[in-house]
Protein backbone atom coordinates (compact mmCIF):
# COMPACT_ATOMS: atom_id res chain seq x y z
CA MET A 1 -12.87 2.65 10.66
CA SER A 2 -11.08 3.10 13.95
CA VAL A 3 -8.87 1.13 16.28
CA THR A 4 -9.73 0.81 19.96
CA ARG A 5 -8.35 -0.87 23.05
CA ASN A 6 -10.05 -2.06 26.19
CA SER A 7 -10.05 -4.87 28.69
CA SER A 8 -13.46 -6.30 27.98
CA PRO A 9 -15.35 -6.87 24.78
CA SER A 10 -16.79 -3.37 24.71
CA LEU A 11 -15.81 -0.06 23.25
CA PRO A 12 -13.34 2.00 25.27
CA HIS A 13 -13.67 5.25 27.12
CA SER A 14 -12.96 8.12 24.76
CA SER A 15 -11.26 10.22 27.41
CA SER A 16 -7.52 10.36 27.97
CA SER A 17 -5.45 11.88 30.74
CA LEU A 18 -3.08 14.00 28.67
CA SER A 19 -2.54 16.66 31.31
CA ALA A 20 -0.60 14.46 33.71
CA PRO A 21 2.93 13.56 32.57
CA ALA A 22 3.40 9.85 32.10
CA SER A 23 5.97 8.07 34.23
CA ALA A 24 8.76 6.00 32.76
CA ALA A 25 6.94 2.82 33.79
CA GLU A 26 3.73 3.97 32.09
CA LYS A 27 5.65 4.81 28.92
CA GLU A 28 7.29 1.40 28.97
CA GLN A 29 3.93 -0.29 29.49
CA GLY A 30 2.50 1.71 26.59
CA ILE A 31 5.30 0.58 24.29
CA VAL A 32 4.90 -3.04 25.37
CA TYR A 33 1.14 -2.81 24.83
CA ALA A 34 1.68 -1.37 21.35
CA LEU A 35 4.08 -4.20 20.50
CA TYR A 36 1.69 -6.89 21.66
CA SER A 37 -1.23 -5.18 19.92
CA PHE A 38 0.76 -5.00 16.70
CA GLY A 39 1.67 -8.67 17.08
CA ALA A 40 -2.02 -9.54 17.48
CA MET A 41 -3.13 -7.50 14.46
CA LEU A 42 -0.21 -8.28 12.14
CA PRO A 43 -1.33 -11.80 11.02
CA PRO A 44 -4.95 -10.94 10.11
CA VAL A 45 -4.10 -7.65 8.37
CA LEU A 46 -1.22 -9.21 6.46
CA LEU A 47 -3.34 -12.23 5.50
CA ALA A 48 -6.17 -10.00 4.26
CA MET A 49 -3.80 -7.92 2.11
CA LEU A 50 -2.03 -10.95 0.65
CA LEU A 51 -5.26 -12.77 -0.19
CA SER A 52 -6.75 -9.64 -1.74
CA SER A 53 -3.74 -8.99 -3.94
CA LEU A 54 -3.62 -12.65 -5.01
CA ALA A 55 -7.35 -12.66 -5.77
CA THR A 56 -7.04 -9.47 -7.80
CA HIS A 57 -4.20 -10.96 -9.84
CA PHE A 58 -5.26 -14.59 -10.24
CA VAL A 59 -9.08 -14.45 -10.00
CA ASN A 60 -9.83 -12.00 -12.76
CA THR A 61 -10.50 -11.81 -16.46
CA PRO A 62 -10.24 -8.84 -18.83
CA ALA A 63 -13.95 -9.09 -19.64
CA TYR A 64 -15.01 -9.10 -15.99
CA SER A 65 -12.66 -6.22 -15.12
CA LEU A 66 -14.03 -4.12 -17.96
CA SER A 67 -17.69 -4.86 -17.21
CA THR A 68 -17.30 -4.24 -13.47
CA SER A 69 -15.40 -0.98 -14.03
CA GLN A 70 -18.17 0.21 -16.34
CA ALA A 71 -20.83 -0.85 -13.83
CA PHE A 72 -19.05 1.08 -11.06
CA SER A 73 -18.75 4.10 -13.33
CA SER A 74 -22.49 4.13 -14.02
CA SER A 75 -23.63 3.25 -10.47
CA TYR A 76 -21.22 4.92 -8.04
CA GLN A 77 -19.59 7.76 -9.94
CA VAL A 78 -21.14 11.13 -10.70
CA TYR A 79 -18.55 11.83 -13.40
CA ASP A 80 -17.12 9.34 -15.88
CA THR A 81 -13.37 9.89 -15.67
CA SER A 82 -12.66 7.68 -18.69
CA ALA A 83 -13.70 10.51 -21.02
CA SER A 84 -11.23 12.98 -19.45
CA SER A 85 -7.53 13.16 -18.82
CA GLY A 86 -4.99 15.08 -16.74
CA GLY A 87 -6.30 17.66 -14.30
CA ALA A 88 -9.91 17.31 -15.44
CA ALA A 89 -9.92 13.59 -14.69
CA ALA A 90 -8.28 14.18 -11.30
CA GLY A 91 -10.90 16.78 -10.39
CA GLN A 92 -13.76 14.54 -11.44
CA ALA A 93 -12.29 11.62 -9.49
CA ALA A 94 -11.98 13.85 -6.39
CA LEU A 95 -15.65 14.85 -6.70
CA ASN A 96 -16.66 11.21 -7.09
CA ALA A 97 -14.70 10.31 -3.96
CA VAL A 98 -16.31 13.15 -1.97
CA VAL A 99 -19.78 11.97 -2.99
CA ILE A 100 -19.01 8.38 -1.96
CA CYS A 101 -17.64 9.54 1.41
CA ALA A 102 -20.77 11.66 1.93
CA VAL A 103 -22.95 8.60 1.35
CA ILE A 104 -20.84 6.60 3.82
CA ALA A 105 -21.18 9.39 6.40
CA GLY A 106 -24.95 9.52 5.88
CA MET A 107 -25.30 5.78 6.38
CA THR A 108 -23.19 5.98 9.54
CA PHE A 109 -25.44 8.72 10.92
CA VAL A 110 -28.43 6.45 10.20
CA ILE A 111 -26.79 3.73 12.32
CA VAL A 112 -26.14 6.29 15.07
CA GLY A 113 -29.81 7.28 14.95
CA CYS A 114 -30.90 3.67 15.22
CA PHE A 115 -28.69 3.21 18.26
CA TYR A 116 -29.97 6.43 19.81
CA PHE A 117 -33.58 5.30 19.46
CA ARG A 118 -32.64 1.74 20.53
CA LEU A 119 -33.58 0.17 17.22
CA THR A 120 -30.97 -2.50 17.72
CA LYS A 121 -33.13 -5.24 16.20
CA CYS A 122 -33.38 -3.25 12.99
CA ILE A 123 -29.60 -2.85 12.91
CA GLY A 124 -29.10 -6.53 13.65
CA ALA A 125 -31.53 -7.62 10.93
CA TYR A 126 -29.88 -5.32 8.41
CA MET A 127 -26.40 -6.55 9.33
CA VAL A 128 -27.43 -10.21 9.06
CA LEU A 129 -29.13 -9.68 5.70
CA SER A 130 -26.30 -7.60 4.23
CA SER A 131 -23.66 -10.09 5.43
CA PHE A 132 -25.58 -13.01 3.95
CA VAL A 133 -26.03 -11.26 0.60
CA LEU A 134 -22.40 -10.13 0.50
CA LEU A 135 -20.94 -13.52 1.37
CA SER A 136 -23.22 -15.48 -0.96
CA VAL A 137 -23.27 -13.18 -3.99
CA MET A 138 -19.62 -12.09 -3.83
CA SER A 139 -18.29 -15.60 -3.24
CA ALA A 140 -20.46 -16.97 -6.05
CA THR A 141 -19.25 -14.22 -8.37
CA MET A 142 -15.62 -14.89 -7.51
CA ALA A 143 -16.12 -18.61 -8.06
CA GLN A 144 -17.70 -17.95 -11.45
CA VAL A 145 -14.81 -15.71 -12.50
CA ALA A 146 -12.30 -18.34 -11.36
CA CYS A 147 -14.12 -21.03 -13.34
CA ASP A 148 -14.17 -18.82 -16.43
CA ARG A 149 -10.48 -18.01 -16.20
CA TYR A 150 -9.25 -21.54 -15.52
CA GLU A 151 -11.97 -23.27 -17.58
CA LEU A 152 -13.34 -25.27 -14.67
CA GLY A 153 -16.69 -27.03 -14.79
CA LEU A 154 -19.22 -26.39 -12.04
CA ASP A 155 -22.95 -27.09 -12.31
CA VAL A 156 -25.44 -24.49 -11.10
CA ALA A 157 -26.83 -26.62 -8.25
CA THR A 158 -23.40 -27.18 -6.72
CA TRP A 159 -22.47 -23.53 -7.27
CA VAL A 160 -25.58 -22.30 -5.43
CA PHE A 161 -25.26 -24.92 -2.69
CA LEU A 162 -21.66 -23.97 -1.89
CA ALA A 163 -22.37 -20.22 -1.97
CA VAL A 164 -25.41 -20.47 0.33
CA ASN A 165 -23.69 -22.75 2.82
CA PHE A 166 -20.61 -20.53 2.84
CA ALA A 167 -22.83 -17.53 3.59
CA VAL A 168 -24.90 -19.28 6.27
CA LEU A 169 -21.78 -20.47 8.09
CA GLY A 170 -20.36 -16.95 7.87
CA VAL A 171 -23.48 -15.31 9.30
CA VAL A 172 -23.63 -17.81 12.17
CA SER A 173 -19.91 -17.38 12.91
CA ILE A 174 -20.11 -13.59 12.90
CA PHE A 175 -23.36 -12.98 14.74
CA VAL A 176 -23.64 -15.91 17.16
CA GLN A 177 -21.15 -14.78 19.79
CA ASP A 178 -21.02 -18.10 21.63
CA PRO A 179 -17.84 -20.21 21.71
CA ALA A 180 -19.98 -23.30 22.31
CA VAL A 181 -21.65 -22.79 18.91
CA THR A 182 -18.87 -21.36 16.76
CA PRO A 183 -15.18 -21.09 17.66
CA ARG A 184 -13.86 -17.55 17.92
CA TYR A 185 -11.41 -18.05 15.09
CA PHE A 186 -14.35 -18.72 12.75
CA SER A 187 -15.65 -15.18 13.23
CA GLN A 188 -12.13 -13.82 12.80
CA LEU A 189 -11.64 -15.85 9.62
CA TYR A 190 -14.92 -14.65 8.14
CA ALA A 191 -14.04 -11.05 8.98
CA ILE A 192 -10.88 -11.50 6.90
CA LEU A 193 -12.76 -13.24 4.07
CA THR A 194 -15.36 -10.47 4.02
CA SER A 195 -12.56 -7.94 3.65
CA VAL A 196 -11.02 -9.94 0.82
CA LEU A 197 -14.31 -10.22 -1.09
CA LEU A 198 -15.07 -6.50 -0.80
CA ALA A 199 -11.49 -5.46 -1.62
CA TRP A 200 -11.51 -7.71 -4.69
CA GLN A 201 -14.70 -6.04 -5.89
CA LEU A 202 -13.70 -2.46 -5.03
CA SER A 203 -10.35 -2.86 -6.77
CA HIS A 204 -12.25 -2.65 -10.07
CA PHE A 205 -12.77 1.10 -9.70
CA ASP A 206 -10.83 2.83 -12.45
CA SER A 207 -7.34 3.72 -11.34
CA ILE A 208 -7.68 7.45 -10.74
CA THR A 209 -11.04 7.14 -8.94
CA GLY A 210 -9.72 4.30 -6.77
CA TRP A 211 -6.72 6.28 -5.57
CA ALA A 212 -8.80 9.43 -5.06
CA LEU A 213 -11.29 7.42 -2.99
CA LEU A 214 -8.54 6.01 -0.76
CA ILE A 215 -7.14 9.49 -0.08
CA ALA A 216 -10.62 10.89 0.59
CA LEU A 217 -11.39 8.03 2.99
CA GLY A 218 -8.22 8.83 4.94
CA PHE A 219 -9.41 12.41 5.48
CA TYR A 220 -12.96 11.23 6.19
CA ASP A 221 -11.70 8.82 8.86
CA LEU A 222 -9.85 11.66 10.57
CA CYS A 223 -12.97 13.80 10.69
CA ALA A 224 -15.37 10.97 11.55
CA VAL A 225 -13.38 9.78 14.57
CA LEU A 226 -11.70 12.91 15.97
CA THR A 227 -14.07 15.83 15.31
CA PRO A 228 -16.89 16.52 17.81
CA CYS A 229 -19.56 16.06 15.16
CA GLY A 230 -17.96 13.00 13.56
CA PRO A 231 -20.37 10.08 13.04
CA LEU A 232 -17.93 7.44 14.26
CA LYS A 233 -17.09 9.50 17.34
CA ALA A 234 -20.80 9.85 18.05
CA LEU A 235 -21.31 6.11 17.61
CA VAL A 236 -18.43 5.22 19.95
CA GLY A 237 -19.61 7.73 22.55
CA LEU A 238 -23.19 6.49 22.39
CA MET A 239 -22.18 2.87 22.74
CA GLN A 240 -19.90 3.73 25.65
CA SER A 241 -22.63 5.63 27.50
CA ARG A 242 -25.07 2.76 27.00
CA GLU A 243 -22.47 0.29 28.23
CA GLU A 244 -21.85 2.32 31.38
CA ALA A 245 -25.62 2.24 31.98
CA GLY A 246 -25.56 -1.54 31.72
CA GLU A 247 -26.95 -1.67 28.19
CA GLY A 248 -23.93 -3.07 26.37
CA MET A 249 -24.27 -3.04 22.59
CA GLN A 250 -21.92 -4.65 20.14
CA LEU A 251 -21.34 -4.31 16.40
CA PRO A 252 -20.61 -7.85 15.22
CA GLY A 253 -19.51 -7.92 11.64
CA LEU A 254 -18.00 -4.43 11.77
CA LEU A 255 -15.09 -5.03 14.14
CA TYR A 256 -12.20 -7.46 14.22
CA GLU A 257 -11.37 -8.31 17.80
CA ALA A 258 -8.13 -9.81 19.07
CA ARG A 259 -7.66 -10.76 22.71
CA LEU A 260 -4.45 -10.17 24.60
CA PRO A 261 -3.38 -11.90 27.83
CA VAL A 262 -3.15 -8.92 30.18
CA GLY A 263 -0.65 -10.58 32.47
CA ARG A 264 1.91 -10.76 29.67
CA LEU A 265 1.68 -7.06 28.98
CA TYR A 266 2.24 -5.35 32.27
CA GLY A 267 5.02 -7.27 33.92
CA GLY A 268 5.01 -9.43 37.01
CA ARG A 269 3.26 -12.73 37.08
CA GLY A 270 -0.08 -12.63 35.35
CA ALA A 271 -2.82 -14.88 34.26
CA GLY A 272 -1.55 -15.13 30.74
CA GLU A 273 1.88 -16.49 31.63
CA GLU A 274 2.86 -20.09 31.04
CA ASP A 275 4.95 -21.63 33.82
CA GLU A 276 6.87 -24.86 33.77
CA LEU A 277 5.64 -27.08 36.59
CA GLU A 278 8.66 -28.80 38.12
CA GLU A 279 6.76 -30.53 40.92
CA PRO A 280 3.73 -29.88 43.13
CA PRO A 281 4.68 -27.00 45.44
CA ALA A 282 5.26 -27.91 49.03
CA SER A 283 3.49 -24.79 50.21
CA SER A 284 0.61 -23.08 48.50
CA SER A 285 0.81 -19.53 47.27
CA ILE A 286 -1.16 -17.27 45.00
CA SER A 287 0.67 -14.74 42.85
CA SER A 288 -1.31 -11.51 42.69
CA ALA A 289 1.01 -9.20 40.80
CA SER A 290 -1.51 -8.74 38.03
CA SER A 291 -4.69 -8.79 40.08
CA SER A 292 -7.32 -6.10 39.84
CA PRO A 293 -10.33 -5.16 42.00
CA SER A 294 -13.21 -7.39 40.97
CA PRO A 295 -14.91 -8.96 44.01
CA PRO A 296 -16.98 -12.08 43.69
CA SER A 297 -20.42 -11.15 42.49
CA PRO A 298 -23.56 -11.98 44.48
CA SER A 299 -24.61 -14.39 41.73
CA SER A 300 -21.39 -16.38 42.14
CA SER A 301 -21.43 -19.71 43.95
CA PRO A 302 -18.56 -19.82 46.51
CA LEU A 303 -16.76 -23.13 46.73
CA PRO A 304 -17.06 -24.77 50.19
CA PRO A 305 -14.03 -24.12 52.42
CA ASP A 306 -13.89 -27.65 53.85
CA ARG A 307 -12.89 -29.50 50.71
CA PRO A 308 -10.34 -29.19 47.89
CA VAL A 309 -10.89 -26.59 45.21
CA PRO A 310 -11.52 -28.13 41.76
CA LEU A 311 -9.99 -25.80 39.17
CA PRO A 312 -8.76 -26.08 35.58
CA PHE A 313 -5.14 -27.12 35.46
CA SER A 314 -4.05 -23.95 33.63
CA LEU A 315 -5.58 -21.71 36.33
CA ALA A 316 -4.06 -23.78 39.13
CA ARG A 317 -0.69 -23.51 37.44
CA SER A 318 -1.02 -19.76 36.88
CA LEU A 319 -1.99 -19.15 40.52
CA ARG A 320 0.73 -21.52 41.78
CA LEU A 321 -1.73 -23.55 43.80
CA GLN A 322 -0.78 -26.84 45.39
CA ILE A 323 -2.13 -29.82 43.43
CA LEU A 324 -3.15 -32.35 46.04
CA ASP A 325 -3.10 -35.42 43.81
CA PRO A 326 0.03 -35.54 41.58
CA SER A 327 -1.64 -38.20 39.43
CA GLN A 328 -4.06 -35.53 38.17
CA ILE A 329 -1.21 -33.56 36.62
CA PRO A 330 -1.40 -34.10 32.83
CA PRO A 331 1.57 -36.01 31.41
CA PRO A 332 4.39 -35.59 30.65
CA PHE A 333 5.55 -34.71 34.16
CA PRO A 334 7.84 -32.99 34.65
CA LYS A 335 7.19 -31.06 31.45
CA PRO A 336 10.10 -30.98 28.96
CA GLU A 337 11.74 -27.66 28.28
CA ASN A 338 9.81 -25.40 25.82
CA ALA A 339 6.94 -27.91 25.72
CA GLU A 340 3.36 -26.67 25.96
CA TYR A 341 0.27 -28.34 27.35
CA THR A 342 -2.57 -29.13 24.98
CA PRO A 343 -6.00 -27.45 25.38
CA GLU A 344 -7.39 -30.70 26.82
CA GLN A 345 -4.62 -30.78 29.42
CA ASN A 346 -5.10 -27.11 30.31
CA LEU A 347 -8.84 -27.64 30.79
CA ALA A 348 -8.45 -30.78 32.89
CA VAL A 349 -9.86 -30.28 36.40
CA VAL A 350 -7.47 -30.86 39.31
CA ASP A 351 -8.02 -30.72 43.07
CA CYS A 352 -6.10 -27.84 44.61
CA GLY A 353 -5.32 -26.93 48.19
CA ARG A 354 -6.92 -23.77 49.53
CA PRO A 355 -4.51 -21.19 51.02
CA PRO A 356 -5.67 -19.64 54.31
CA ASP A 357 -8.10 -16.72 53.86
CA ALA A 358 -8.32 -17.31 50.11
CA LEU A 359 -11.70 -17.30 48.39
CA PHE A 360 -12.73 -19.01 45.16
CA ALA A 361 -16.09 -18.60 43.43
CA ARG A 362 -17.50 -19.54 40.07
CA GLY A 363 -18.79 -16.48 38.27
CA ALA A 364 -21.56 -16.00 35.76
CA ARG A 365 -20.40 -15.79 32.15
CA GLU A 366 -20.97 -12.40 30.59
CA GLU A 367 -21.38 -11.52 26.93
CA GLY A 368 -18.04 -11.86 25.20
CA ASP A 369 -16.43 -14.15 27.79
CA MET A 370 -14.40 -16.91 26.20
CA GLY A 371 -15.26 -19.60 28.75
CA ASP A 372 -15.74 -20.32 32.43
CA VAL A 373 -15.29 -17.47 34.89
CA PHE A 374 -13.60 -17.73 38.30
CA HIS A 375 -13.44 -15.05 41.00
CA VAL A 376 -10.38 -15.31 43.25
CA ARG A 377 -9.59 -13.46 46.47
CA THR A 378 -5.97 -13.80 47.57
CA PRO A 379 -4.87 -14.10 51.22
CA GLU A 380 -3.81 -10.45 50.94
CA GLY A 381 -7.42 -9.46 50.18
CA GLU A 382 -6.94 -8.64 46.49
CA ASP A 383 -9.72 -9.69 44.13
CA SER A 384 -9.34 -10.88 40.54
CA THR A 385 -11.59 -12.36 37.88
CA TYR A 386 -10.15 -14.97 35.53
CA VAL A 387 -11.66 -16.28 32.29
CA ILE A 388 -10.61 -19.69 30.97
CA ASP A 389 -10.61 -19.85 27.18
CA SER A 390 -12.81 -22.83 26.34
CA GLU A 391 -10.83 -23.48 23.13
CA THR A 392 -7.22 -23.27 24.26
CA GLY A 393 -7.49 -23.53 28.05
CA LYS A 394 -5.39 -20.38 28.48
CA VAL A 395 -6.08 -18.04 31.36
CA PHE A 396 -7.04 -14.40 30.87
CA LEU A 397 -7.49 -11.71 33.48
CA ARG A 398 -10.77 -9.84 33.15
CA ASP A 399 -10.43 -6.30 34.47
CA ASP A 400 -13.80 -4.93 35.57
CA ASP A 401 -12.47 -1.77 37.20
CA ASP A 402 -13.16 1.42 35.22
CA ASP A 403 -9.88 3.11 36.16
CA GLU A 404 -7.86 0.09 35.12
CA GLU A 405 -9.90 -0.19 31.95
CA GLU A 406 -8.68 3.22 30.83
CA GLU A 407 -5.07 2.27 31.45
CA GLY A 408 -4.97 -0.92 29.42
CA GLY A 409 -6.70 -4.12 28.69
CA GLY A 410 -6.84 -7.43 26.99
CA VAL A 411 -8.74 -6.57 23.79
CA ILE A 412 -7.71 -4.70 20.66
CA LYS A 413 -10.34 -3.90 18.02
CA LEU A 414 -9.88 -2.82 14.43
CA GLY A 415 -12.72 -1.74 12.19
CA LEU A 416 -13.51 -4.01 9.27
CA GLY A 417 -13.37 -0.99 6.97
CA ASP A 418 -9.68 -0.64 7.78
CA PHE A 419 -9.05 -4.22 6.63
CA ILE A 420 -11.01 -3.56 3.45
CA PHE A 421 -9.26 -0.37 2.38
CA TYR A 422 -5.81 -1.61 3.35
CA SER A 423 -6.53 -4.53 1.04
CA VAL A 424 -7.90 -2.28 -1.72
CA LEU A 425 -4.70 -0.21 -1.66
CA VAL A 426 -2.50 -3.31 -1.91
CA SER A 427 -4.72 -4.76 -4.64
CA LYS A 428 -4.45 -1.58 -6.72
CA ALA A 429 -0.68 -1.61 -6.18
CA ALA A 430 -0.49 -5.28 -7.19
CA MET A 431 -2.14 -4.40 -10.50
CA TYR A 432 0.95 -2.36 -11.36
CA SER A 433 3.75 -4.63 -10.16
CA LEU A 434 4.88 -6.94 -7.39
CA THR A 435 7.42 -4.37 -6.23
CA THR A 436 4.82 -1.69 -5.53
CA ALA A 437 2.59 -4.24 -3.79
CA VAL A 438 5.39 -5.31 -1.42
CA ILE A 439 6.27 -1.67 -0.73
CA CYS A 440 2.66 -0.84 0.11
CA ILE A 441 2.30 -3.88 2.40
CA ILE A 442 5.40 -2.86 4.39
CA VAL A 443 4.32 0.77 4.61
CA ILE A 444 0.75 -0.07 5.65
CA LEU A 445 1.96 -2.37 8.42
CA SER A 446 4.38 0.34 9.58
CA GLY A 447 1.53 2.86 9.64
CA LEU A 448 -0.62 0.45 11.63
CA GLY A 449 2.21 0.06 14.13
CA MET A 450 2.46 3.84 14.48
CA THR A 451 -1.29 4.07 15.02
CA LEU A 452 -1.20 1.39 17.72
CA PHE A 453 1.64 3.23 19.43
CA LEU A 454 -0.44 6.42 19.42
CA LEU A 455 -3.35 4.40 20.78
CA SER A 456 -1.23 3.32 23.76
CA VAL A 457 -0.29 6.97 24.37
CA TYR A 458 -3.66 8.70 24.01
CA LYS A 459 -5.86 5.82 25.29
CA MET A 460 -8.81 6.73 23.08
CA ALA A 461 -10.38 5.53 19.87
CA LEU A 462 -8.18 6.61 16.95
CA PRO A 463 -8.63 6.47 13.17
CA ALA A 464 -6.62 3.59 11.75
CA LEU A 465 -6.76 4.60 8.08
CA PRO A 466 -4.97 7.99 7.75
CA VAL A 467 -1.38 7.10 8.62
CA SER A 468 -1.34 3.83 6.66
CA ILE A 469 -3.32 5.15 3.68
CA PHE A 470 -1.37 8.40 3.27
CA CYS A 471 1.97 6.61 3.63
CA GLY A 472 0.81 3.84 1.29
CA VAL A 473 -0.29 6.26 -1.44
CA THR A 474 2.93 8.26 -1.10
CA PHE A 475 5.18 5.23 -1.34
CA TYR A 476 3.11 3.80 -4.18
CA ALA A 477 3.88 6.96 -6.16
CA LEU A 478 7.56 6.64 -5.23
CA GLY A 479 7.52 3.01 -6.30
CA VAL A 480 5.92 3.77 -9.65
CA TYR A 481 8.02 6.79 -10.57
CA ALA A 482 11.33 6.10 -8.81
CA ILE A 483 11.91 2.64 -7.31
CA GLN A 484 10.42 0.49 -10.09
CA PRO A 485 12.23 2.38 -12.92
CA TYR A 486 15.48 2.14 -10.97
CA ILE A 487 15.07 -1.63 -10.50
CA GLU A 488 14.25 -2.12 -14.19
CA THR A 489 17.29 -0.07 -15.22
CA VAL A 490 19.60 -2.08 -12.97
CA LEU A 491 18.22 -5.40 -14.22
CA SER A 492 18.38 -4.36 -17.88
CA ASN A 493 22.08 -3.43 -17.58
CA GLY A 494 23.06 -6.81 -16.19
CA PRO A 495 24.71 -7.65 -12.86
CA LEU A 496 26.80 -5.05 -11.07
CA TYR A 497 30.15 -6.01 -9.54
CA LEU A 498 31.55 -3.96 -6.69
C-alpha cells in the first residue's frame, strides 16, 4: 500500500539525498513530476472510486447487505458491534480493526519470507489462484445480486461460463507481462476491476467497524512503509537488493503501473515529445537534451554504417533525423495543426540518414519493455536507450543509470490496496449521501496529489493511504454533521435571493 517512482519497471531505491539542499531547477522538476504523476494516476483512481460507489448503490439488495454484514461479523470480527452502542461499540470496532491489520501484517511478512528464501514460484502460484478465485467468485456474486435486484434471467451455464472466462482473461492480463499477448491497458483495467470487486464486498462491513478499519489501515500503512521493521519496507528493500544483483522480481497483481514519457517531464527535447514535421530536414541532427548514459549492449546488433538506418517513424521524428524518401512519410503531409499520427503511422519504418559519428543499434527487450528497443549514440558521444511502445508507437526514454534513476523516471506505481481502500471509503460515504461521496472523492484525490508531491521531494517509497484516508474520514464527518445539514436547511427554506 505504497506509491513509488522509478524509470524502469522495478521498485525504486529507498534512499533519498535530504542533506543536500535542492536547487530551484530540481524543485521545479519535482513539481512538474508530481503534476504528471498525478495526471497519470487521476483517471484510474477516479474510475475505481466512481465504479465502486455506483456498484454499492445500484448493485445491492437489503437481503444481501444484511447477510454479508452478518457473515463479516462472524468471520472477520472478534467482537460483534451490533450488540453495543456508543463508546463500547467504538472500542470493539477499534479492536476488530487492530486484529485485521495484524493479520494483514502477518501475511505480508509471509510474502517477505517467501521472497527471502526465493520461493517466487509459490508466491506466483498463490497470486494466480487467489486472483482467479476473486475474479470468478466476486464477479459471479455481483452478477447474481444484480439479477436479483433488477429481476433479470440468467441460466446457470451462462452465468458460470461468463464468470470463468472473465477470470481467465483477468489472470492472463495481469500475470502475462507481454504486450504481444495482452495489451497493457488490459492489466490496468483488471487492476481497477479487482479494486471495484473487493471494495464492493468490503463496503458491507458494519458502519462503525468499516470506518475504524480505514483509520487503522492508515496508521498501519505509515508503520509498514516508514518504520525500519515495517513489512512493506522490508519487501521493497528486499526486492531492490535482488534487482541490483540482477534478480529482478515483480509483484503483478499488487501494483498499478503507469508509464510517463520522461522527455516531457524534465524540459528540453525528449523522447516523449510530439513534433510537427513540416518537411524533411535539409541537414540531419539528433537532439540529445534528454539523453542519459546507456551505451549499446554487447548483445545489440549495430546497424551497418554504409546504408540508411531503418527506424520507426516516431523515433526518427523525435530524433530529428533526415528521412531520405519523403514518400515514406505517413500522410497527411505536412501534418495539419494539432493533428496526431496514428499508432500504425508511428510504427511505420522509414529510411533515415545517418549523422556523422552517430551509432544506432537494436537492443534486446528486457522484462517490462513496451516494445522494440533502440540504442542511440549521438555525434557528441552521448548514449541513450529508447523504447517504442508497440501499441501506440510513442517513444519513451529508458534510463538505465542508477544515479539518474534516483532523480526521476518514467514509471509511477501505486499499490492495489490503495485503490481498494480509497474505493471502500467512497463507497461507505455514498451509502450516506451523494454529497458526502463527492466530498470524499475530492479530498482523496487531493491527498493523493499531496502524497505524489512528497514522493517527488523525498524520492523514496511512501505510504499512499494516510493522507487521503485521514483527510477523507475527517471531511466525511464534516459532511455528515455540518455540510449535509446545512444544504438540507437551505433547500428546505426555498431559494435565497441576494
